[in-house]
Amino acid sequence: MSEALASFGYELGILKRVRRSGWWHAGVRDPESVGEHSLRAAQLAALLAAEEGASPERAAFLALWHDTQETRTGDLPLTAGEYLRKPEPRQITADQTAALPERSRDLVRSAVDEYETRESPEAWCAKDADKLEMLLQALEYRDVGVRPVDEWIESARKGLKTETARKVAEAAMTLSPLAWRGR
């Protein structure tokens, strides 16, 4: 049991090194890692859920697990979609967690399943947080001179489902990424 948890812990550490590869297409030399993306997505999910009347804890939890499969696949950019079959996140998670003790295995699998089915308000907040995090990252990259990020911004905006996420996106579009200073 302890060895399986330690082994999975080491696997999760890969997320700190896997880069969000789509940003290389925009010219970002050193894009953020999947782990960095997931942290801010989880934080945003909690905030969105609080405003939407959902469980912030559950939304953040779902967002924490939403990209853990990328320890096995890497971050596949949208341009790969035409050439590769999209991996099924639940199958990868099942493989990743096969050796875990039952409670831990069920915990992770149920979180990934809930995120993927999007049948709960928390899952929608987590998905919106994933998109909103990408939008904020695109705006930050644009602010430091990376110009071809409009497709990421537009894709994120179009994918938002909750009213709160749409309002946050609109506000982010009018603020400088440095606007948080002094607020």
N, C-alpha and C. Protein backbone atom coordinates (compact mmCIF):
# COMPACT_ATOMS: atom_id res chain seq x y z
N MET A 1 0.83 -1.19 0.00
CA MET A 1 0.00 0.00 0.00
C MET A 1 0.87 1.26 0.00
N SER A 2 1.80 1.38 0.95
CA SER A 2 2.64 2.57 1.04
C SER A 2 3.52 2.73 -0.18
N GLU A 3 4.02 1.60 -0.71
CA GLU A 3 4.85 1.68 -1.91
C GLU A 3 4.06 2.17 -3.11
N ALA A 4 2.82 1.71 -3.22
CA ALA A 4 1.97 2.14 -4.34
C ALA A 4 1.68 3.64 -4.26
N LEU A 5 1.40 4.13 -3.05
CA LEU A 5 1.15 5.56 -2.88
C LEU A 5 2.41 6.38 -3.17
N ALA A 6 3.56 5.89 -2.71
CA ALA A 6 4.82 6.59 -2.99
C ALA A 6 5.12 6.60 -4.48
N SER A 7 4.90 5.48 -5.12
CA SER A 7 5.15 5.39 -6.56
C SER A 7 4.26 6.36 -7.33
N PHE A 8 2.98 6.41 -6.96
CA PHE A 8 2.05 7.33 -7.62
C PHE A 8 2.46 8.78 -7.33
N GLY A 9 2.93 9.03 -6.12
CA GLY A 9 3.43 10.37 -5.79
C GLY A 9 4.58 10.78 -6.69
N TYR A 10 5.49 9.84 -6.96
CA TYR A 10 6.59 10.14 -7.89
C TYR A 10 6.05 10.40 -9.29
N GLU A 11 5.07 9.61 -9.72
CA GLU A 11 4.49 9.83 -11.05
C GLU A 11 3.85 11.20 -11.14
N LEU A 12 3.13 11.61 -10.11
CA LEU A 12 2.50 12.93 -10.13
C LEU A 12 3.54 14.05 -10.23
N GLY A 13 4.74 13.81 -9.72
CA GLY A 13 5.81 14.80 -9.82
C GLY A 13 6.20 15.12 -11.25
N ILE A 14 5.92 14.22 -12.15
CA ILE A 14 6.21 14.45 -13.57
C ILE A 14 5.46 15.68 -14.07
N LEU A 15 4.30 15.95 -13.48
CA LEU A 15 3.49 17.10 -13.92
C LEU A 15 4.23 18.42 -13.71
N LYS A 16 5.20 18.45 -12.81
CA LYS A 16 5.98 19.67 -12.60
C LYS A 16 6.97 19.88 -13.74
N ARG A 17 7.25 18.82 -14.51
CA ARG A 17 8.22 18.92 -15.60
C ARG A 17 7.59 18.91 -16.99
N VAL A 18 6.37 18.40 -17.11
CA VAL A 18 5.70 18.37 -18.42
C VAL A 18 5.23 19.78 -18.75
N ARG A 19 5.67 20.29 -19.88
CA ARG A 19 5.32 21.65 -20.31
C ARG A 19 4.02 21.63 -21.10
N ARG A 20 3.29 22.72 -21.01
CA ARG A 20 2.07 22.90 -21.79
C ARG A 20 2.51 23.19 -23.22
N SER A 21 2.54 22.16 -24.03
CA SER A 21 3.22 22.19 -25.32
C SER A 21 2.58 23.09 -26.37
N GLY A 22 1.30 23.36 -26.27
CA GLY A 22 0.66 24.22 -27.26
C GLY A 22 1.28 25.60 -27.32
N TRP A 23 1.82 26.07 -26.21
CA TRP A 23 2.41 27.41 -26.18
C TRP A 23 3.68 27.50 -27.03
N TRP A 24 4.34 26.37 -27.29
CA TRP A 24 5.51 26.42 -28.17
C TRP A 24 5.10 26.89 -29.56
N HIS A 25 3.88 26.58 -29.98
CA HIS A 25 3.39 27.02 -31.29
C HIS A 25 3.24 28.54 -31.34
N ALA A 26 3.06 29.15 -30.18
CA ALA A 26 2.93 30.61 -30.12
C ALA A 26 4.29 31.29 -29.93
N GLY A 27 5.33 30.49 -29.77
CA GLY A 27 6.66 31.06 -29.61
C GLY A 27 7.12 31.22 -28.18
N VAL A 28 6.40 30.64 -27.24
CA VAL A 28 6.83 30.71 -25.83
C VAL A 28 7.96 29.71 -25.65
N ARG A 29 9.12 30.19 -25.25
CA ARG A 29 10.30 29.32 -25.12
C ARG A 29 10.19 28.36 -23.94
N ASP A 30 9.67 28.83 -22.84
CA ASP A 30 9.61 28.01 -21.63
C ASP A 30 8.21 28.13 -21.02
N PRO A 31 7.23 27.42 -21.62
CA PRO A 31 5.86 27.54 -21.11
C PRO A 31 5.72 26.93 -19.72
N GLU A 32 4.64 27.30 -19.07
CA GLU A 32 4.37 26.78 -17.74
C GLU A 32 4.18 25.27 -17.81
N SER A 33 4.36 24.62 -16.67
CA SER A 33 4.18 23.17 -16.59
C SER A 33 2.70 22.85 -16.39
N VAL A 34 2.37 21.60 -16.61
CA VAL A 34 1.01 21.13 -16.35
C VAL A 34 0.69 21.31 -14.87
N GLY A 35 1.67 21.08 -14.01
CA GLY A 35 1.45 21.25 -12.57
C GLY A 35 1.14 22.69 -12.22
N GLU A 36 1.86 23.63 -12.82
CA GLU A 36 1.58 25.05 -12.57
C GLU A 36 0.19 25.42 -13.07
N HIS A 37 -0.16 24.94 -14.24
CA HIS A 37 -1.49 25.18 -14.79
C HIS A 37 -2.56 24.62 -13.86
N SER A 38 -2.36 23.40 -13.40
CA SER A 38 -3.36 22.74 -12.56
C SER A 38 -3.56 23.45 -11.22
N LEU A 39 -2.47 23.99 -10.66
CA LEU A 39 -2.59 24.70 -9.39
C LEU A 39 -3.51 25.92 -9.55
N ARG A 40 -3.23 26.77 -10.54
CA ARG A 40 -4.07 27.96 -10.70
C ARG A 40 -5.48 27.58 -11.13
N ALA A 41 -5.62 26.53 -11.94
CA ALA A 41 -6.97 26.08 -12.31
C ALA A 41 -7.75 25.66 -11.07
N ALA A 42 -7.11 24.96 -10.15
CA ALA A 42 -7.80 24.53 -8.92
C ALA A 42 -8.19 25.74 -8.07
N GLN A 43 -7.31 26.71 -7.99
CA GLN A 43 -7.62 27.91 -7.21
C GLN A 43 -8.79 28.67 -7.85
N LEU A 44 -8.76 28.81 -9.16
CA LEU A 44 -9.86 29.48 -9.86
C LEU A 44 -11.16 28.69 -9.74
N ALA A 45 -11.07 27.37 -9.79
CA ALA A 45 -12.27 26.54 -9.67
C ALA A 45 -12.96 26.79 -8.33
N ALA A 46 -12.18 26.91 -7.27
CA ALA A 46 -12.76 27.18 -5.95
C ALA A 46 -13.48 28.52 -5.95
N LEU A 47 -12.87 29.53 -6.55
CA LEU A 47 -13.48 30.86 -6.57
C LEU A 47 -14.75 30.87 -7.42
N LEU A 48 -14.69 30.24 -8.59
CA LEU A 48 -15.87 30.18 -9.44
C LEU A 48 -17.01 29.46 -8.73
N ALA A 49 -16.68 28.33 -8.10
CA ALA A 49 -17.71 27.56 -7.41
C ALA A 49 -18.34 28.36 -6.27
N ALA A 50 -17.52 29.09 -5.54
CA ALA A 50 -18.05 29.91 -4.44
C ALA A 50 -19.08 30.91 -4.98
N GLU A 51 -18.76 31.54 -6.09
CA GLU A 51 -19.67 32.53 -6.68
C GLU A 51 -20.89 31.89 -7.33
N GLU A 52 -20.74 30.66 -7.79
CA GLU A 52 -21.84 29.97 -8.47
C GLU A 52 -22.72 29.18 -7.50
N GLY A 53 -22.38 29.19 -6.20
CA GLY A 53 -23.17 28.47 -5.22
C GLY A 53 -22.88 26.97 -5.18
N ALA A 54 -21.74 26.57 -5.70
CA ALA A 54 -21.34 25.16 -5.68
C ALA A 54 -20.28 24.97 -4.59
N SER A 55 -19.80 23.77 -4.44
CA SER A 55 -18.79 23.47 -3.42
C SER A 55 -17.39 23.86 -3.92
N PRO A 56 -16.77 24.88 -3.32
CA PRO A 56 -15.43 25.28 -3.74
C PRO A 56 -14.41 24.17 -3.55
N GLU A 57 -14.55 23.43 -2.45
CA GLU A 57 -13.60 22.36 -2.17
C GLU A 57 -13.66 21.28 -3.25
N ARG A 58 -14.86 20.89 -3.62
CA ARG A 58 -15.01 19.83 -4.62
C ARG A 58 -14.54 20.31 -5.99
N ALA A 59 -14.89 21.52 -6.37
CA ALA A 59 -14.47 22.05 -7.67
C ALA A 59 -12.94 22.11 -7.75
N ALA A 60 -12.31 22.59 -6.69
CA ALA A 60 -10.84 22.65 -6.67
C ALA A 60 -10.25 21.25 -6.76
N PHE A 61 -10.85 20.31 -6.05
CA PHE A 61 -10.37 18.94 -6.06
C PHE A 61 -10.45 18.35 -7.47
N LEU A 62 -11.55 18.57 -8.15
CA LEU A 62 -11.69 18.06 -9.52
C LEU A 62 -10.65 18.69 -10.44
N ALA A 63 -10.42 19.97 -10.29
CA ALA A 63 -9.43 20.65 -11.14
C ALA A 63 -8.02 20.14 -10.87
N LEU A 64 -7.73 19.76 -9.63
CA LEU A 64 -6.41 19.21 -9.32
C LEU A 64 -6.11 17.94 -10.10
N TRP A 65 -7.13 17.16 -10.37
CA TRP A 65 -6.94 15.86 -11.02
C TRP A 65 -7.18 15.90 -12.53
N HIS A 66 -7.62 17.04 -13.08
CA HIS A 66 -8.10 17.04 -14.46
C HIS A 66 -7.05 16.73 -15.52
N ASP A 67 -5.79 16.98 -15.26
CA ASP A 67 -4.74 16.72 -16.26
C ASP A 67 -3.70 15.72 -15.78
N THR A 68 -3.98 14.97 -14.73
CA THR A 68 -2.96 14.06 -14.19
C THR A 68 -2.60 12.95 -15.17
N GLN A 69 -3.45 12.68 -16.13
CA GLN A 69 -3.16 11.66 -17.13
C GLN A 69 -1.95 12.04 -18.00
N GLU A 70 -1.61 13.32 -18.00
CA GLU A 70 -0.52 13.78 -18.84
C GLU A 70 0.86 13.33 -18.35
N THR A 71 0.90 12.65 -17.19
CA THR A 71 2.15 12.00 -16.78
C THR A 71 2.47 10.88 -17.75
N ARG A 72 1.45 10.34 -18.39
CA ARG A 72 1.63 9.20 -19.30
C ARG A 72 1.59 9.60 -20.77
N THR A 73 0.93 10.69 -21.10
CA THR A 73 0.78 11.07 -22.50
C THR A 73 1.56 12.32 -22.87
N GLY A 74 1.99 13.08 -21.89
CA GLY A 74 2.50 14.41 -22.16
C GLY A 74 1.32 15.31 -22.46
N ASP A 75 1.59 16.57 -22.67
CA ASP A 75 0.54 17.52 -23.02
C ASP A 75 0.45 17.54 -24.54
N LEU A 76 -0.64 17.05 -25.07
CA LEU A 76 -0.81 16.98 -26.52
C LEU A 76 -1.47 18.26 -27.02
N PRO A 77 -0.80 19.00 -27.91
CA PRO A 77 -1.43 20.23 -28.44
C PRO A 77 -2.59 19.89 -29.36
N LEU A 78 -3.46 20.84 -29.56
CA LEU A 78 -4.61 20.62 -30.45
C LEU A 78 -4.19 20.18 -31.84
N THR A 79 -3.03 20.61 -32.29
CA THR A 79 -2.57 20.25 -33.64
C THR A 79 -2.31 18.75 -33.77
N ALA A 80 -2.13 18.04 -32.66
CA ALA A 80 -1.91 16.59 -32.71
C ALA A 80 -3.21 15.83 -32.90
N GLY A 81 -4.33 16.47 -32.62
CA GLY A 81 -5.63 15.81 -32.66
C GLY A 81 -5.97 15.16 -33.98
N GLU A 82 -5.54 15.75 -35.05
CA GLU A 82 -5.84 15.22 -36.37
C GLU A 82 -5.07 13.92 -36.65
N TYR A 83 -3.98 13.70 -35.94
CA TYR A 83 -3.10 12.58 -36.22
C TYR A 83 -3.15 11.48 -35.16
N LEU A 84 -3.65 11.82 -34.00
CA LEU A 84 -3.66 10.87 -32.90
C LEU A 84 -5.07 10.69 -32.36
N ARG A 85 -5.35 9.52 -31.87
CA ARG A 85 -6.62 9.27 -31.18
C ARG A 85 -6.51 9.93 -29.80
N LYS A 86 -7.55 10.66 -29.41
CA LYS A 86 -7.54 11.33 -28.11
C LYS A 86 -7.60 10.26 -27.02
N PRO A 87 -6.62 10.26 -26.13
CA PRO A 87 -6.64 9.26 -25.06
C PRO A 87 -7.85 9.46 -24.15
N GLU A 88 -8.41 8.37 -23.67
CA GLU A 88 -9.54 8.42 -22.75
C GLU A 88 -9.01 8.64 -21.33
N PRO A 89 -9.26 9.82 -20.76
CA PRO A 89 -8.70 10.13 -19.43
C PRO A 89 -9.06 9.10 -18.36
N ARG A 90 -10.28 8.58 -18.41
CA ARG A 90 -10.69 7.61 -17.37
C ARG A 90 -9.90 6.32 -17.48
N GLN A 91 -9.55 5.91 -18.71
CA GLN A 91 -8.76 4.68 -18.88
C GLN A 91 -7.34 4.89 -18.37
N ILE A 92 -6.77 6.04 -18.69
CA ILE A 92 -5.41 6.33 -18.21
C ILE A 92 -5.42 6.37 -16.69
N THR A 93 -6.41 7.03 -16.10
CA THR A 93 -6.51 7.11 -14.65
C THR A 93 -6.67 5.72 -14.04
N ALA A 94 -7.45 4.87 -14.67
CA ALA A 94 -7.61 3.50 -14.17
C ALA A 94 -6.27 2.78 -14.16
N ASP A 95 -5.50 2.95 -15.22
CA ASP A 95 -4.17 2.33 -15.28
C ASP A 95 -3.24 2.93 -14.22
N GLN A 96 -3.27 4.25 -14.10
CA GLN A 96 -2.39 4.92 -13.13
C GLN A 96 -2.67 4.48 -11.71
N THR A 97 -3.93 4.24 -11.40
CA THR A 97 -4.33 4.00 -10.01
C THR A 97 -4.56 2.52 -9.70
N ALA A 98 -4.28 1.64 -10.63
CA ALA A 98 -4.56 0.21 -10.46
C ALA A 98 -3.92 -0.37 -9.21
N ALA A 99 -2.73 0.05 -8.86
CA ALA A 99 -2.02 -0.52 -7.71
C ALA A 99 -2.34 0.18 -6.39
N LEU A 100 -3.09 1.28 -6.45
CA LEU A 100 -3.37 2.03 -5.23
C LEU A 100 -4.34 1.28 -4.32
N PRO A 101 -4.29 1.57 -3.03
CA PRO A 101 -5.31 1.01 -2.13
C PRO A 101 -6.70 1.47 -2.59
N GLU A 102 -7.69 0.68 -2.28
CA GLU A 102 -9.05 0.90 -2.79
C GLU A 102 -9.57 2.31 -2.53
N ARG A 103 -9.43 2.84 -1.33
CA ARG A 103 -9.97 4.17 -1.03
C ARG A 103 -9.31 5.24 -1.89
N SER A 104 -7.99 5.18 -2.01
CA SER A 104 -7.28 6.17 -2.83
C SER A 104 -7.63 6.00 -4.30
N ARG A 105 -7.68 4.75 -4.76
CA ARG A 105 -8.02 4.48 -6.16
C ARG A 105 -9.41 5.03 -6.48
N ASP A 106 -10.38 4.75 -5.63
CA ASP A 106 -11.75 5.21 -5.87
C ASP A 106 -11.85 6.73 -5.81
N LEU A 107 -11.10 7.34 -4.92
CA LEU A 107 -11.10 8.80 -4.77
C LEU A 107 -10.67 9.48 -6.08
N VAL A 108 -9.55 9.03 -6.63
CA VAL A 108 -9.02 9.63 -7.85
C VAL A 108 -9.91 9.32 -9.04
N ARG A 109 -10.31 8.08 -9.16
CA ARG A 109 -11.14 7.69 -10.31
C ARG A 109 -12.48 8.43 -10.31
N SER A 110 -13.08 8.60 -9.15
CA SER A 110 -14.38 9.30 -9.11
C SER A 110 -14.21 10.77 -9.45
N ALA A 111 -13.10 11.37 -9.04
CA ALA A 111 -12.86 12.78 -9.36
C ALA A 111 -12.70 12.96 -10.87
N VAL A 112 -11.92 12.11 -11.50
CA VAL A 112 -11.71 12.21 -12.95
C VAL A 112 -13.02 11.94 -13.69
N ASP A 113 -13.77 10.96 -13.24
CA ASP A 113 -15.04 10.65 -13.89
C ASP A 113 -16.01 11.82 -13.78
N GLU A 114 -16.10 12.40 -12.59
CA GLU A 114 -17.01 13.54 -12.41
C GLU A 114 -16.59 14.71 -13.29
N TYR A 115 -15.29 14.98 -13.36
CA TYR A 115 -14.80 16.07 -14.21
C TYR A 115 -15.16 15.79 -15.67
N GLU A 116 -14.93 14.59 -16.12
CA GLU A 116 -15.13 14.26 -17.53
C GLU A 116 -16.61 14.23 -17.92
N THR A 117 -17.49 13.81 -17.03
CA THR A 117 -18.91 13.74 -17.38
C THR A 117 -19.60 15.09 -17.26
N ARG A 118 -19.05 15.98 -16.46
CA ARG A 118 -19.59 17.32 -16.26
C ARG A 118 -21.09 17.32 -15.98
N GLU A 119 -21.46 16.51 -15.02
CA GLU A 119 -22.86 16.45 -14.61
C GLU A 119 -23.10 17.15 -13.29
N SER A 120 -22.09 17.79 -12.74
CA SER A 120 -22.25 18.51 -11.48
C SER A 120 -21.82 19.97 -11.68
N PRO A 121 -22.36 20.87 -10.88
CA PRO A 121 -21.92 22.27 -10.98
C PRO A 121 -20.42 22.41 -10.70
N GLU A 122 -19.90 21.58 -9.81
CA GLU A 122 -18.46 21.64 -9.49
C GLU A 122 -17.61 21.25 -10.69
N ALA A 123 -18.07 20.26 -11.45
CA ALA A 123 -17.34 19.86 -12.65
C ALA A 123 -17.34 20.97 -13.69
N TRP A 124 -18.47 21.67 -13.83
CA TRP A 124 -18.51 22.79 -14.78
C TRP A 124 -17.60 23.93 -14.31
N CYS A 125 -17.56 24.17 -13.02
CA CYS A 125 -16.65 25.21 -12.50
C CYS A 125 -15.20 24.81 -12.73
N ALA A 126 -14.89 23.53 -12.53
CA ALA A 126 -13.52 23.06 -12.76
C ALA A 126 -13.14 23.19 -14.23
N LYS A 127 -14.05 22.82 -15.12
CA LYS A 127 -13.77 22.94 -16.56
C LYS A 127 -13.61 24.40 -16.96
N ASP A 128 -14.49 25.25 -16.45
CA ASP A 128 -14.36 26.68 -16.74
C ASP A 128 -13.05 27.23 -16.19
N ALA A 129 -12.64 26.74 -15.04
CA ALA A 129 -11.37 27.20 -14.47
C ALA A 129 -10.21 26.79 -15.35
N ASP A 130 -10.27 25.62 -15.94
CA ASP A 130 -9.24 25.15 -16.88
C ASP A 130 -9.14 26.12 -18.06
N LYS A 131 -10.29 26.49 -18.61
CA LYS A 131 -10.32 27.44 -19.73
C LYS A 131 -9.88 28.84 -19.31
N LEU A 132 -10.37 29.27 -18.17
CA LEU A 132 -10.04 30.61 -17.67
C LEU A 132 -8.55 30.73 -17.36
N GLU A 133 -7.97 29.67 -16.82
CA GLU A 133 -6.53 29.68 -16.56
C GLU A 133 -5.76 29.85 -17.85
N MET A 134 -6.20 29.16 -18.91
CA MET A 134 -5.55 29.29 -20.21
C MET A 134 -5.68 30.72 -20.74
N LEU A 135 -6.84 31.30 -20.58
CA LEU A 135 -7.05 32.68 -21.02
C LEU A 135 -6.12 33.64 -20.28
N LEU A 136 -6.04 33.51 -18.96
CA LEU A 136 -5.15 34.38 -18.18
C LEU A 136 -3.70 34.19 -18.60
N GLN A 137 -3.32 32.92 -18.82
CA GLN A 137 -1.94 32.65 -19.23
C GLN A 137 -1.65 33.28 -20.59
N ALA A 138 -2.60 33.18 -21.51
CA ALA A 138 -2.42 33.79 -22.83
C ALA A 138 -2.26 35.30 -22.71
N LEU A 139 -3.07 35.92 -21.87
CA LEU A 139 -2.95 37.37 -21.67
C LEU A 139 -1.60 37.73 -21.05
N GLU A 140 -1.14 36.92 -20.13
CA GLU A 140 0.19 37.16 -19.53
C GLU A 140 1.29 37.02 -20.56
N TYR A 141 1.20 35.99 -21.40
CA TYR A 141 2.22 35.84 -22.45
C TYR A 141 2.16 37.01 -23.43
N ARG A 142 0.96 37.43 -23.79
CA ARG A 142 0.83 38.57 -24.71
C ARG A 142 1.44 39.83 -24.10
N ASP A 143 1.27 40.00 -22.79
CA ASP A 143 1.80 41.17 -22.10
C ASP A 143 3.33 41.24 -22.14
N VAL A 144 3.98 40.09 -22.30
CA VAL A 144 5.45 40.09 -22.38
C VAL A 144 5.94 39.92 -23.81
N GLY A 145 5.05 40.13 -24.77
CA GLY A 145 5.47 40.19 -26.15
C GLY A 145 5.16 39.00 -27.03
N VAL A 146 4.53 37.98 -26.51
CA VAL A 146 4.14 36.85 -27.36
C VAL A 146 2.83 37.24 -28.04
N ARG A 147 2.86 37.37 -29.32
CA ARG A 147 1.71 37.92 -30.04
C ARG A 147 0.69 36.91 -30.55
N PRO A 148 1.07 35.77 -31.06
CA PRO A 148 0.02 34.91 -31.65
C PRO A 148 -0.74 34.09 -30.60
N VAL A 149 -1.41 34.77 -29.68
CA VAL A 149 -2.16 34.07 -28.63
C VAL A 149 -3.67 34.26 -28.76
N ASP A 150 -4.10 35.00 -29.76
CA ASP A 150 -5.53 35.30 -29.90
C ASP A 150 -6.40 34.05 -30.01
N GLU A 151 -5.90 33.01 -30.68
CA GLU A 151 -6.72 31.80 -30.82
C GLU A 151 -6.93 31.11 -29.48
N TRP A 152 -5.96 31.18 -28.58
CA TRP A 152 -6.11 30.60 -27.24
C TRP A 152 -7.13 31.41 -26.45
N ILE A 153 -7.04 32.73 -26.57
CA ILE A 153 -7.97 33.60 -25.86
C ILE A 153 -9.40 33.35 -26.34
N GLU A 154 -9.58 33.32 -27.64
CA GLU A 154 -10.92 33.13 -28.20
C GLU A 154 -11.46 31.74 -27.88
N SER A 155 -10.63 30.73 -27.96
CA SER A 155 -11.04 29.37 -27.63
C SER A 155 -11.50 29.28 -26.18
N ALA A 156 -10.75 29.90 -25.30
CA ALA A 156 -11.10 29.89 -23.88
C ALA A 156 -12.44 30.60 -23.65
N ARG A 157 -12.59 31.76 -24.23
CA ARG A 157 -13.83 32.52 -24.03
C ARG A 157 -15.05 31.76 -24.54
N LYS A 158 -14.92 31.14 -25.70
CA LYS A 158 -16.05 30.40 -26.28
C LYS A 158 -16.43 29.18 -25.45
N GLY A 159 -15.46 28.62 -24.74
CA GLY A 159 -15.72 27.40 -23.99
C GLY A 159 -16.30 27.60 -22.61
N LEU A 160 -16.40 28.83 -22.15
CA LEU A 160 -16.88 29.09 -20.79
C LEU A 160 -18.39 28.90 -20.68
N LYS A 161 -18.82 28.23 -19.62
CA LYS A 161 -20.24 27.92 -19.44
C LYS A 161 -20.88 28.69 -18.29
N THR A 162 -20.14 28.93 -17.22
CA THR A 162 -20.75 29.60 -16.06
C THR A 162 -20.73 31.12 -16.26
N GLU A 163 -21.73 31.76 -15.70
CA GLU A 163 -21.83 33.22 -15.79
C GLU A 163 -20.63 33.89 -15.13
N THR A 164 -20.21 33.36 -13.99
CA THR A 164 -19.07 33.96 -13.28
C THR A 164 -17.81 33.89 -14.13
N ALA A 165 -17.55 32.74 -14.75
CA ALA A 165 -16.34 32.61 -15.57
C ALA A 165 -16.37 33.56 -16.76
N ARG A 166 -17.54 33.71 -17.38
CA ARG A 166 -17.65 34.64 -18.52
C ARG A 166 -17.36 36.08 -18.08
N LYS A 167 -17.87 36.46 -16.91
CA LYS A 167 -17.63 37.82 -16.40
C LYS A 167 -16.15 38.03 -16.03
N VAL A 168 -15.54 37.02 -15.45
CA VAL A 168 -14.11 37.12 -15.10
C VAL A 168 -13.28 37.24 -16.37
N ALA A 169 -13.62 36.49 -17.40
CA ALA A 169 -12.90 36.57 -18.66
C ALA A 169 -13.00 37.96 -19.26
N GLU A 170 -14.20 38.52 -19.25
CA GLU A 170 -14.38 39.88 -19.79
C GLU A 170 -13.57 40.89 -19.00
N ALA A 171 -13.57 40.76 -17.68
CA ALA A 171 -12.78 41.67 -16.85
C ALA A 171 -11.30 41.50 -17.14
N ALA A 172 -10.85 40.28 -17.29
CA ALA A 172 -9.43 40.02 -17.56
C ALA A 172 -9.00 40.65 -18.87
N MET A 173 -9.89 40.68 -19.84
CA MET A 173 -9.57 41.25 -21.15
C MET A 173 -9.32 42.75 -21.07
N THR A 174 -9.89 43.40 -20.06
CA THR A 174 -9.75 44.85 -19.96
C THR A 174 -8.64 45.27 -19.00
N LEU A 175 -8.14 44.33 -18.20
CA LEU A 175 -7.09 44.63 -17.23
C LEU A 175 -5.73 44.24 -17.77
N SER A 176 -4.71 44.91 -17.31
CA SER A 176 -3.35 44.47 -17.56
C SER A 176 -3.06 43.32 -16.61
N PRO A 177 -2.29 42.31 -17.02
CA PRO A 177 -1.92 41.26 -16.10
C PRO A 177 -1.21 41.77 -14.84
N LEU A 178 -0.72 42.99 -14.87
CA LEU A 178 -0.08 43.58 -13.68
C LEU A 178 -1.05 44.39 -12.85
N ALA A 179 -2.33 44.42 -13.24
CA ALA A 179 -3.31 45.24 -12.56
C ALA A 179 -3.53 44.82 -11.11
N TRP A 180 -3.19 43.61 -10.78
CA TRP A 180 -3.39 43.13 -9.41
C TRP A 180 -2.54 43.89 -8.40
N ARG A 181 -1.48 44.49 -8.84
CA ARG A 181 -0.57 45.22 -7.94
C ARG A 181 -1.33 46.38 -7.28
N GLY A 182 -1.25 46.44 -5.99
CA GLY A 182 -1.85 47.54 -5.27
C GLY A 182 -3.34 47.43 -5.06
N ARG A 183 -3.93 46.33 -5.44
CA ARG A 183 -5.39 46.17 -5.26
C ARG A 183 -5.68 45.54 -3.94
